[in-house]
């Protein structure tokens, strides 16, 4: 029961990370009208500045792949660590405010 709750909380967190990268891609592409986190537009603009919108989009895909892996009971810690390395390789360090 505790593992299920932990996995659900992690999944929710990953959904939010995916949405953040989606919004970064939208801002980087100049499509701010489709941003979900409109209250975070200044932070999104700052984080997206000079970033590659296609890399942000690929980051969304990496997050979604990790979410799918969690469904088949992979180690949460290893999945998150692998995601961190993949995201850093894809987009570098991006501010998450």
PDB file of N, CA and C in Angstrom:
ATOM      1  N   UNK A   1       0.824  -1.192   0.000  1.00  0.00           N
ATOM      2  CA  UNK A   1       0.000   0.000   0.000  1.00  0.00           C
ATOM      3  C   UNK A   1       0.871   1.261   0.000  1.00  0.00           C
ATOM      4  N   UNK A   2       1.928   1.282   0.815  1.00  0.00           N
ATOM      5  CA  UNK A   2       2.799   2.455   0.888  1.00  0.00           C
ATOM      6  C   UNK A   2       3.527   2.668  -0.432  1.00  0.00           C
ATOM      7  N   UNK A   3       3.959   1.571  -1.083  1.00  0.00           N
ATOM      8  CA  UNK A   3       4.641   1.695  -2.373  1.00  0.00           C
ATOM      9  C   UNK A   3       3.701   2.287  -3.416  1.00  0.00           C
ATOM     10  N   UNK A   4       2.457   1.862  -3.394  1.00  0.00           N
ATOM     11  CA  UNK A   4       1.484   2.394  -4.352  1.00  0.00           C
ATOM     12  C   UNK A   4       1.297   3.896  -4.170  1.00  0.00           C
ATOM     13  N   UNK A   5       1.176   4.314  -2.929  1.00  0.00           N
ATOM     14  CA  UNK A   5       1.002   5.745  -2.634  1.00  0.00           C
ATOM     15  C   UNK A   5       2.245   6.527  -3.044  1.00  0.00           C
ATOM     16  N   UNK A   6       3.398   5.964  -2.768  1.00  0.00           N
ATOM     17  CA  UNK A   6       4.655   6.615  -3.147  1.00  0.00           C
ATOM     18  C   UNK A   6       4.761   6.726  -4.670  1.00  0.00           C
ATOM     19  N   UNK A   7       4.409   5.664  -5.365  1.00  0.00           N
ATOM     20  CA  UNK A   7       4.463   5.674  -6.824  1.00  0.00           C
ATOM     21  C   UNK A   7       3.473   6.685  -7.396  1.00  0.00           C
ATOM     22  N   UNK A   8       2.301   6.787  -6.816  1.00  0.00           N
ATOM     23  CA  UNK A   8       1.315   7.782  -7.276  1.00  0.00           C
ATOM     24  C   UNK A   8       1.831   9.198  -7.079  1.00  0.00           C
ATOM     25  N   UNK A   9       2.444   9.444  -5.930  1.00  0.00           N
ATOM     26  CA  UNK A   9       2.997  10.778  -5.671  1.00  0.00           C
ATOM     27  C   UNK A   9       4.135  11.091  -6.634  1.00  0.00           C
ATOM     28  N   UNK A  10       4.979  10.116  -6.894  1.00  0.00           N
ATOM     29  CA  UNK A  10       6.071  10.299  -7.848  1.00  0.00           C
ATOM     30  C   UNK A  10       5.522  10.538  -9.248  1.00  0.00           C
ATOM     31  N   UNK A  11       4.507   9.801  -9.618  1.00  0.00           N
ATOM     32  CA  UNK A  11       3.882   9.979 -10.931  1.00  0.00           C
ATOM     33  C   UNK A  11       3.325  11.398 -11.075  1.00  0.00           C
ATOM     34  N   UNK A  12       2.682  11.891 -10.036  1.00  0.00           N
ATOM     35  CA  UNK A  12       2.150  13.255 -10.067  1.00  0.00           C
ATOM     36  C   UNK A  12       3.285  14.261 -10.237  1.00  0.00           C
ATOM     37  N   UNK A  13       4.370  14.062  -9.503  1.00  0.00           N
ATOM     38  CA  UNK A  13       5.526  14.940  -9.639  1.00  0.00           C
ATOM     39  C   UNK A  13       6.094  14.913 -11.052  1.00  0.00           C
ATOM     40  N   UNK A  14       6.183  13.717 -11.626  1.00  0.00           N
ATOM     41  CA  UNK A  14       6.692  13.608 -12.993  1.00  0.00           C
ATOM     42  C   UNK A  14       5.748  14.262 -13.995  1.00  0.00           C
ATOM     43  N   UNK A  15       4.451  14.159 -13.759  1.00  0.00           N
ATOM     44  CA  UNK A  15       3.499  14.856 -14.627  1.00  0.00           C
ATOM     45  C   UNK A  15       3.774  16.356 -14.603  1.00  0.00           C
ATOM     46  N   UNK A  16       4.009  16.895 -13.423  1.00  0.00           N
ATOM     47  CA  UNK A  16       4.282  18.330 -13.293  1.00  0.00           C
ATOM     48  C   UNK A  16       5.589  18.710 -13.990  1.00  0.00           C
ATOM     49  N   UNK A  17       6.601  17.870 -13.852  1.00  0.00           N
ATOM     50  CA  UNK A  17       7.872  18.128 -14.548  1.00  0.00           C
ATOM     51  C   UNK A  17       7.651  18.110 -16.056  1.00  0.00           C
ATOM     52  N   UNK A  18       6.889  17.146 -16.533  1.00  0.00           N
ATOM     53  CA  UNK A  18       6.583  17.079 -17.963  1.00  0.00           C
ATOM     54  C   UNK A  18       5.843  18.312 -18.450  1.00  0.00           C
ATOM     55  N   UNK A  19       4.902  18.786 -17.654  1.00  0.00           N
ATOM     56  CA  UNK A  19       4.166  19.995 -18.035  1.00  0.00           C
ATOM     57  C   UNK A  19       5.080  21.217 -18.042  1.00  0.00           C
ATOM     58  N   UNK A  20       6.027  21.266 -17.093  1.00  0.00           N
ATOM     59  CA  UNK A  20       6.978  22.382 -17.058  1.00  0.00           C
ATOM     60  C   UNK A  20       7.797  22.408 -18.357  1.00  0.00           C
ATOM     61  N   UNK A  21       8.320  21.246 -18.763  1.00  0.00           N
ATOM     62  CA  UNK A  21       9.099  21.198 -20.004  1.00  0.00           C
ATOM     63  C   UNK A  21       8.227  21.496 -21.217  1.00  0.00           C
ATOM     64  N   UNK A  22       6.976  21.070 -21.179  1.00  0.00           N
ATOM     65  CA  UNK A  22       6.048  21.383 -22.270  1.00  0.00           C
ATOM     66  C   UNK A  22       5.875  22.897 -22.371  1.00  0.00           C
ATOM     67  N   UNK A  23       5.681  23.538 -21.221  1.00  0.00           N
ATOM     68  CA  UNK A  23       5.531  24.989 -21.205  1.00  0.00           C
ATOM     69  C   UNK A  23       6.819  25.687 -21.642  1.00  0.00           C
ATOM     70  N   UNK A  24       7.977  25.148 -21.248  1.00  0.00           N
ATOM     71  CA  UNK A  24       9.244  25.719 -21.713  1.00  0.00           C
ATOM     72  C   UNK A  24       9.337  25.665 -23.228  1.00  0.00           C
ATOM     73  N   UNK A  25       8.951  24.543 -23.804  1.00  0.00           N
ATOM     74  CA  UNK A  25       8.972  24.411 -25.262  1.00  0.00           C
ATOM     75  C   UNK A  25       8.030  25.422 -25.901  1.00  0.00           C
ATOM     76  N   UNK A  26       6.847  25.569 -25.339  1.00  0.00           N
ATOM     77  CA  UNK A  26       5.884  26.529 -25.895  1.00  0.00           C
ATOM     78  C   UNK A  26       6.437  27.943 -25.849  1.00  0.00           C
ATOM     79  N   UNK A  27       7.029  28.326 -24.735  1.00  0.00           N
ATOM     80  CA  UNK A  27       7.603  29.671 -24.600  1.00  0.00           C
ATOM     81  C   UNK A  27       8.761  29.842 -25.588  1.00  0.00           C
ATOM     82  N   UNK A  28       9.620  28.838 -25.683  1.00  0.00           N
ATOM     83  CA  UNK A  28      10.772  28.924 -26.585  1.00  0.00           C
ATOM     84  C   UNK A  28      10.337  29.014 -28.038  1.00  0.00           C
ATOM     85  N   UNK A  29       9.196  28.413 -28.366  1.00  0.00           N
ATOM     86  CA  UNK A  29       8.664  28.487 -29.729  1.00  0.00           C
ATOM     87  C   UNK A  29       7.827  29.742 -29.953  1.00  0.00           C
ATOM     88  N   UNK A  30       7.647  30.535 -28.911  1.00  0.00           N
ATOM     89  CA  UNK A  30       6.861  31.754 -29.049  1.00  0.00           C
ATOM     90  C   UNK A  30       5.363  31.523 -29.018  1.00  0.00           C
ATOM     91  N   UNK A  31       4.953  30.442 -28.395  1.00  0.00           N
ATOM     92  CA  UNK A  31       3.530  30.095 -28.326  1.00  0.00           C
ATOM     93  C   UNK A  31       3.029  30.196 -26.891  1.00  0.00           C
ATOM     94  N   UNK A  32       3.213  31.348 -26.283  1.00  0.00           N
ATOM     95  CA  UNK A  32       2.832  31.524 -24.876  1.00  0.00           C
ATOM     96  C   UNK A  32       1.336  31.380 -24.645  1.00  0.00           C
ATOM     97  N   UNK A  33       0.537  31.490 -25.690  1.00  0.00           N
ATOM     98  CA  UNK A  33      -0.915  31.372 -25.534  1.00  0.00           C
ATOM     99  C   UNK A  33      -1.355  29.953 -25.184  1.00  0.00           C
ATOM    100  N   UNK A  34      -0.467  28.948 -25.328  1.00  0.00           N
ATOM    101  CA  UNK A  34      -0.837  27.576 -24.969  1.00  0.00           C
ATOM    102  C   UNK A  34      -0.181  27.114 -23.671  1.00  0.00           C
ATOM    103  N   UNK A  35       0.485  28.006 -22.970  1.00  0.00           N
ATOM    104  CA  UNK A  35       1.140  27.670 -21.704  1.00  0.00           C
ATOM    105  C   UNK A  35       0.085  27.385 -20.640  1.00  0.00           C
ATOM    106  N   UNK A  36       0.289  26.297 -19.905  1.00  0.00           N
ATOM    107  CA  UNK A  36      -0.617  25.957 -18.800  1.00  0.00           C
ATOM    108  C   UNK A  36      -0.338  26.820 -17.567  1.00  0.00           C
ATOM    109  N   UNK A  37       0.933  26.973 -17.218  1.00  0.00           N
ATOM    110  CA  UNK A  37       1.313  27.674 -15.990  1.00  0.00           C
ATOM    111  C   UNK A  37       1.474  29.169 -16.257  1.00  0.00           C
ATOM    112  N   UNK A  38       0.369  29.819 -16.610  1.00  0.00           N
ATOM    113  CA  UNK A  38       0.437  31.241 -16.947  1.00  0.00           C
ATOM    114  C   UNK A  38       0.910  32.092 -15.769  1.00  0.00           C
ATOM    115  N   UNK A  39       0.697  31.606 -14.574  1.00  0.00           N
ATOM    116  CA  UNK A  39       1.164  32.346 -13.401  1.00  0.00           C
ATOM    117  C   UNK A  39       2.684  32.276 -13.252  1.00  0.00           C
ATOM    118  N   UNK A  40       3.327  31.398 -13.994  1.00  0.00           N
ATOM    119  CA  UNK A  40       4.780  31.226 -13.930  1.00  0.00           C
ATOM    120  C   UNK A  40       5.474  31.718 -15.205  1.00  0.00           C
ATOM    121  N   UNK A  41       4.779  32.508 -16.012  1.00  0.00           N
ATOM    122  CA  UNK A  41       5.360  32.972 -17.282  1.00  0.00           C
ATOM    123  C   UNK A  41       6.713  33.660 -17.131  1.00  0.00           C
ATOM    124  N   UNK A  42       6.910  34.559 -16.165  1.00  0.00           N
ATOM    125  CA  UNK A  42       8.241  35.170 -16.045  1.00  0.00           C
ATOM    126  C   UNK A  42       9.349  34.128 -15.809  1.00  0.00           C
ATOM    127  N   UNK A  43       9.089  33.166 -14.946  1.00  0.00           N
ATOM    128  CA  UNK A  43      10.086  32.120 -14.683  1.00  0.00           C
ATOM    129  C   UNK A  43      10.291  31.243 -15.914  1.00  0.00           C
ATOM    130  N   UNK A  44       9.211  30.947 -16.625  1.00  0.00           N
ATOM    131  CA  UNK A  44       9.318  30.152 -17.847  1.00  0.00           C
ATOM    132  C   UNK A  44      10.132  30.879 -18.906  1.00  0.00           C
ATOM    133  N   UNK A  45       9.876  32.171 -19.061  1.00  0.00           N
ATOM    134  CA  UNK A  45      10.635  32.961 -20.044  1.00  0.00           C
ATOM    135  C   UNK A  45      12.120  32.933 -19.718  1.00  0.00           C
ATOM    136  N   UNK A  46      12.431  33.115 -18.452  1.00  0.00           N
ATOM    137  CA  UNK A  46      13.831  33.129 -18.028  1.00  0.00           C
ATOM    138  C   UNK A  46      14.476  31.765 -18.267  1.00  0.00           C
ATOM    139  N   UNK A  47      13.784  30.697 -17.901  1.00  0.00           N
ATOM    140  CA  UNK A  47      14.337  29.355 -18.053  1.00  0.00           C
ATOM    141  C   UNK A  47      14.457  28.946 -19.519  1.00  0.00           C
ATOM    142  N   UNK A  48      13.552  29.427 -20.359  1.00  0.00           N
ATOM    143  CA  UNK A  48      13.557  29.047 -21.776  1.00  0.00           C
ATOM    144  C   UNK A  48      14.529  29.871 -22.606  1.00  0.00           C
ATOM    145  N   UNK A  49      14.975  30.980 -22.052  1.00  0.00           N
ATOM    146  CA  UNK A  49      15.846  31.882 -22.796  1.00  0.00           C
ATOM    147  C   UNK A  49      17.097  31.157 -23.284  1.00  0.00           C
ATOM    148  N   UNK A  50      17.293  31.180 -24.589  1.00  0.00           N
ATOM    149  CA  UNK A  50      18.454  30.544 -25.193  1.00  0.00           C
ATOM    150  C   UNK A  50      18.364  29.032 -25.277  1.00  0.00           C
ATOM    151  N   UNK A  51      17.255  28.468 -24.822  1.00  0.00           N
ATOM    152  CA  UNK A  51      17.084  27.012 -24.864  1.00  0.00           C
ATOM    153  C   UNK A  51      16.566  26.533 -26.203  1.00  0.00           C
ATOM    154  N   UNK A  52      16.750  25.279 -26.457  1.00  0.00           N
ATOM    155  CA  UNK A  52      16.296  24.647 -27.695  1.00  0.00           C
ATOM    156  C   UNK A  52      14.885  24.089 -27.479  1.00  0.00           C
ATOM    157  N   UNK A  53      13.891  24.634 -28.163  1.00  0.00           N
ATOM    158  CA  UNK A  53      12.522  24.146 -27.954  1.00  0.00           C
ATOM    159  C   UNK A  53      12.366  22.662 -28.280  1.00  0.00           C
ATOM    160  N   UNK A  54      13.099  22.181 -29.270  1.00  0.00           N
ATOM    161  CA  UNK A  54      13.007  20.755 -29.612  1.00  0.00           C
ATOM    162  C   UNK A  54      13.581  19.899 -28.479  1.00  0.00           C
ATOM    163  N   UNK A  55      14.631  20.388 -27.826  1.00  0.00           N
ATOM    164  CA  UNK A  55      15.195  19.656 -26.683  1.00  0.00           C
ATOM    165  C   UNK A  55      14.211  19.631 -25.526  1.00  0.00           C
ATOM    166  N   UNK A  56      13.508  20.739 -25.310  1.00  0.00           N
ATOM    167  CA  UNK A  56      12.482  20.762 -24.262  1.00  0.00           C
ATOM    168  C   UNK A  56      11.386  19.748 -24.582  1.00  0.00           C
ATOM    169  N   UNK A  57      11.019  19.634 -25.844  1.00  0.00           N
ATOM    170  CA  UNK A  57       9.985  18.681 -26.254  1.00  0.00           C
ATOM    171  C   UNK A  57      10.474  17.249 -26.033  1.00  0.00           C
ATOM    172  N   UNK A  58      11.731  17.001 -26.343  1.00  0.00           N
ATOM    173  CA  UNK A  58      12.294  15.665 -26.106  1.00  0.00           C
ATOM    174  C   UNK A  58      12.344  15.366 -24.604  1.00  0.00           C
ATOM    175  N   UNK A  59      12.556  16.393 -23.801  1.00  0.00           N
ATOM    176  CA  UNK A  59      12.552  16.216 -22.342  1.00  0.00           C
ATOM    177  C   UNK A  59      11.182  15.729 -21.873  1.00  0.00           C
ATOM    178  N   UNK A  60      10.134  16.265 -22.471  1.00  0.00           N
ATOM    179  CA  UNK A  60       8.780  15.798 -22.138  1.00  0.00           C
ATOM    180  C   UNK A  60       8.668  14.304 -22.426  1.00  0.00           C
ATOM    181  N   UNK A  61       9.192  13.887 -23.557  1.00  0.00           N
ATOM    182  CA  UNK A  61       9.138  12.468 -23.924  1.00  0.00           C
ATOM    183  C   UNK A  61       9.920  11.608 -22.934  1.00  0.00           C
ATOM    184  N   UNK A  62      11.085  12.098 -22.488  1.00  0.00           N
ATOM    185  CA  UNK A  62      11.865  11.349 -21.500  1.00  0.00           C
ATOM    186  C   UNK A  62      11.107  11.194 -20.185  1.00  0.00           C
ATOM    187  N   UNK A  63      10.422  12.244 -19.776  1.00  0.00           N
ATOM    188  CA  UNK A  63       9.631  12.180 -18.540  1.00  0.00           C
ATOM    189  C   UNK A  63       8.497  11.167 -18.711  1.00  0.00           C
ATOM    190  N   UNK A  64       7.839  11.199 -19.858  1.00  0.00           N
ATOM    191  CA  UNK A  64       6.736  10.257 -20.094  1.00  0.00           C
ATOM    192  C   UNK A  64       7.232   8.820 -20.138  1.00  0.00           C
ATOM    193  N   UNK A  65       8.402   8.589 -20.727  1.00  0.00           N
ATOM    194  CA  UNK A  65       8.980   7.240 -20.732  1.00  0.00           C
ATOM    195  C   UNK A  65       9.238   6.753 -19.308  1.00  0.00           C
ATOM    196  N   UNK A  66       9.713   7.640 -18.467  1.00  0.00           N
ATOM    197  CA  UNK A  66       9.972   7.275 -17.076  1.00  0.00           C
ATOM    198  C   UNK A  66       8.670   6.931 -16.370  1.00  0.00           C
ATOM    199  N   UNK A  67       7.638   7.713 -16.614  1.00  0.00           N
ATOM    200  CA  UNK A  67       6.330   7.414 -16.012  1.00  0.00           C
ATOM    201  C   UNK A  67       5.849   6.029 -16.437  1.00  0.00           C
ATOM    202  N   UNK A  68       6.047   5.686 -17.704  1.00  0.00           N
ATOM    203  CA  UNK A  68       5.640   4.368 -18.193  1.00  0.00           C
ATOM    204  C   UNK A  68       6.441   3.257 -17.527  1.00  0.00           C
ATOM    205  N   UNK A  69       7.736   3.498 -17.317  1.00  0.00           N
ATOM    206  CA  UNK A  69       8.579   2.494 -16.668  1.00  0.00           C
ATOM    207  C   UNK A  69       8.111   2.212 -15.237  1.00  0.00           C
ATOM    208  N   UNK A  70       7.639   3.243 -14.574  1.00  0.00           N
ATOM    209  CA  UNK A  70       7.169   3.051 -13.195  1.00  0.00           C
ATOM    210  C   UNK A  70       5.962   2.121 -13.136  1.00  0.00           C
ATOM    211  N   UNK A  71       5.207   2.051 -14.219  1.00  0.00           N
ATOM    212  CA  UNK A  71       4.041   1.163 -14.262  1.00  0.00           C
ATOM    213  C   UNK A  71       4.440  -0.306 -14.227  1.00  0.00           C
ATOM    214  N   UNK A  72       5.670  -0.607 -14.656  1.00  0.00           N
ATOM    215  CA  UNK A  72       6.113  -2.000 -14.673  1.00  0.00           C
ATOM    216  C   UNK A  72       7.058  -2.296 -13.504  1.00  0.00           C
ATOM    217  N   UNK A  73       6.927  -1.500 -12.451  1.00  0.00           N
ATOM    218  CA  UNK A  73       7.613  -1.732 -11.183  1.00  0.00           C
ATOM    219  C   UNK A  73       9.136  -1.671 -11.243  1.00  0.00           C
ATOM    220  N   UNK A  74       9.674  -0.760 -12.036  1.00  0.00           N
ATOM    221  CA  UNK A  74      11.116  -0.559 -11.972  1.00  0.00           C
ATOM    222  C   UNK A  74      11.435   0.177 -10.674  1.00  0.00           C
ATOM    223  N   UNK A  75      12.679   0.184 -10.307  1.00  0.00           N
ATOM    224  CA  UNK A  75      13.104   0.882  -9.100  1.00  0.00           C
ATOM    225  C   UNK A  75      12.873   2.383  -9.286  1.00  0.00           C
ATOM    226  N   UNK A  76      12.103   2.956  -8.383  1.00  0.00           N
ATOM    227  CA  UNK A  76      11.799   4.390  -8.480  1.00  0.00           C
ATOM    228  C   UNK A  76      13.071   5.228  -8.422  1.00  0.00           C
ATOM    229  N   UNK A  77      13.954   4.867  -7.511  1.00  0.00           N
ATOM    230  CA  UNK A  77      15.192   5.626  -7.341  1.00  0.00           C
ATOM    231  C   UNK A  77      16.044   5.576  -8.607  1.00  0.00           C
ATOM    232  N   UNK A  78      16.194   4.387  -9.177  1.00  0.00           N
ATOM    233  CA  UNK A  78      17.000   4.253 -10.391  1.00  0.00           C
ATOM    234  C   UNK A  78      16.339   4.941 -11.581  1.00  0.00           C
ATOM    235  N   UNK A  79      15.022   4.861 -11.668  1.00  0.00           N
ATOM    236  CA  UNK A  79      14.311   5.509 -12.768  1.00  0.00           C
ATOM    237  C   UNK A  79      14.488   7.020 -12.709  1.00  0.00           C
ATOM    238  N   UNK A  80      14.396   7.586 -11.523  1.00  0.00           N
ATOM    239  CA  UNK A  80      14.561   9.041 -11.372  1.00  0.00           C
ATOM    240  C   UNK A  80      16.005   9.463 -11.624  1.00  0.00           C
ATOM    241  N   UNK A  81      16.936   8.654 -11.174  1.00  0.00           N
ATOM    242  CA  UNK A  81      18.349   8.969 -11.408  1.00  0.00           C
ATOM    243  C   UNK A  81      18.656   8.927 -12.903  1.00  0.00           C
ATOM    244  N   UNK A  82      18.161   7.909 -13.593  1.00  0.00           N
ATOM    245  CA  UNK A  82      18.379   7.805 -15.036  1.00  0.00           C
ATOM    246  C   UNK A  82      17.733   8.991 -15.759  1.00  0.00           C
ATOM    247  N   UNK A  83      16.539   9.366 -15.325  1.00  0.00           N
ATOM    248  CA  UNK A  83      15.865  10.510 -15.936  1.00  0.00           C
ATOM    249  C   UNK A  83      16.682  11.779 -15.749  1.00  0.00           C
ATOM    250  N   UNK A  84      17.220  11.969 -14.572  1.00  0.00           N
ATOM    251  CA  UNK A  84      18.026  13.162 -14.295  1.00  0.00           C
ATOM    252  C   UNK A  84      19.201  13.255 -15.255  1.00  0.00           C
ATOM    253  N   UNK A  85      19.907  12.144 -15.444  1.00  0.00           N
ATOM    254  CA  UNK A  85      21.053  12.148 -16.360  1.00  0.00           C
ATOM    255  C   UNK A  85      20.618  12.406 -17.797  1.00  0.00           C
ATOM    256  N   UNK A  86      19.515  11.792 -18.203  1.00  0.00           N
ATOM    257  CA  UNK A  86      19.022  11.985 -19.574  1.00  0.00           C
ATOM    258  C   UNK A  86      18.579  13.425 -19.812  1.00  0.00           C
ATOM    259  N   UNK A  87      17.880  14.000 -18.832  1.00  0.00           N
ATOM    260  CA  UNK A  87      17.434  15.383 -18.979  1.00  0.00           C
ATOM    261  C   UNK A  87      18.618  16.342 -19.035  1.00  0.00           C
ATOM    262  N   UNK A  88      19.608  16.100 -18.195  1.00  0.00           N
ATOM    263  CA  UNK A  88      20.777  16.977 -18.202  1.00  0.00           C
ATOM    264  C   UNK A  88      21.503  16.885 -19.538  1.00  0.00           C
ATOM    265  N   UNK A  89      21.587  15.689 -20.096  1.00  0.00           N
ATOM    266  CA  UNK A  89      22.226  15.519 -21.396  1.00  0.00           C
ATOM    267  C   UNK A  89      21.415  16.195 -22.498  1.00  0.00           C
ATOM    268  N   UNK A  90      20.098  16.173 -22.364  1.00  0.00           N
ATOM    269  CA  UNK A  90      19.225  16.733 -23.400  1.00  0.00           C
ATOM    270  C   UNK A  90      19.117  18.241 -23.334  1.00  0.00           C
ATOM    271  N   UNK A  91      18.864  18.783 -22.170  1.00  0.00           N
ATOM    272  CA  UNK A  91      18.594  20.223 -22.061  1.00  0.00           C
ATOM    273  C   UNK A  91      19.566  20.953 -21.153  1.00  0.00           C
ATOM    274  N   UNK A  92      20.474  20.254 -20.523  1.00  0.00           N
ATOM    275  CA  UNK A  92      21.367  20.904 -19.580  1.00  0.00           C
ATOM    276  C   UNK A  92      20.620  21.218 -18.304  1.00  0.00           C
ATOM    277  N   UNK A  93      21.134  22.137 -17.572  1.00  0.00           N
ATOM    278  CA  UNK A  93      20.475  22.534 -16.319  1.00  0.00           C
ATOM    279  C   UNK A  93      19.449  23.618 -16.623  1.00  0.00           C
ATOM    280  N   UNK A  94      18.218  23.344 -16.260  1.00  0.00           N
ATOM    281  CA  UNK A  94      17.117  24.293 -16.487  1.00  0.00           C
ATOM    282  C   UNK A  94      16.538  24.667 -15.141  1.00  0.00           C
ATOM    283  N   UNK A  95      16.346  25.940 -14.925  1.00  0.00           N
ATOM    284  CA  UNK A  95      15.759  26.394 -13.672  1.00  0.00           C
ATOM    285  C   UNK A  95      14.328  25.942 -13.556  1.00  0.00           C
ATOM    286  N   UNK A  96      13.995  25.367 -12.437  1.00  0.00           N
ATOM    287  CA  UNK A  96      12.613  24.982 -12.136  1.00  0.00           C
ATOM    288  C   UNK A  96      12.218  25.787 -10.918  1.00  0.00           C
ATOM    289  N   UNK A  97      11.508  26.864 -11.166  1.00  0.00           N
ATOM    290  CA  UNK A  97      11.142  27.774 -10.071  1.00  0.00           C
ATOM    291  C   UNK A  97       9.744  27.494  -9.588  1.00  0.00           C
TER     292      UNK A  97
END
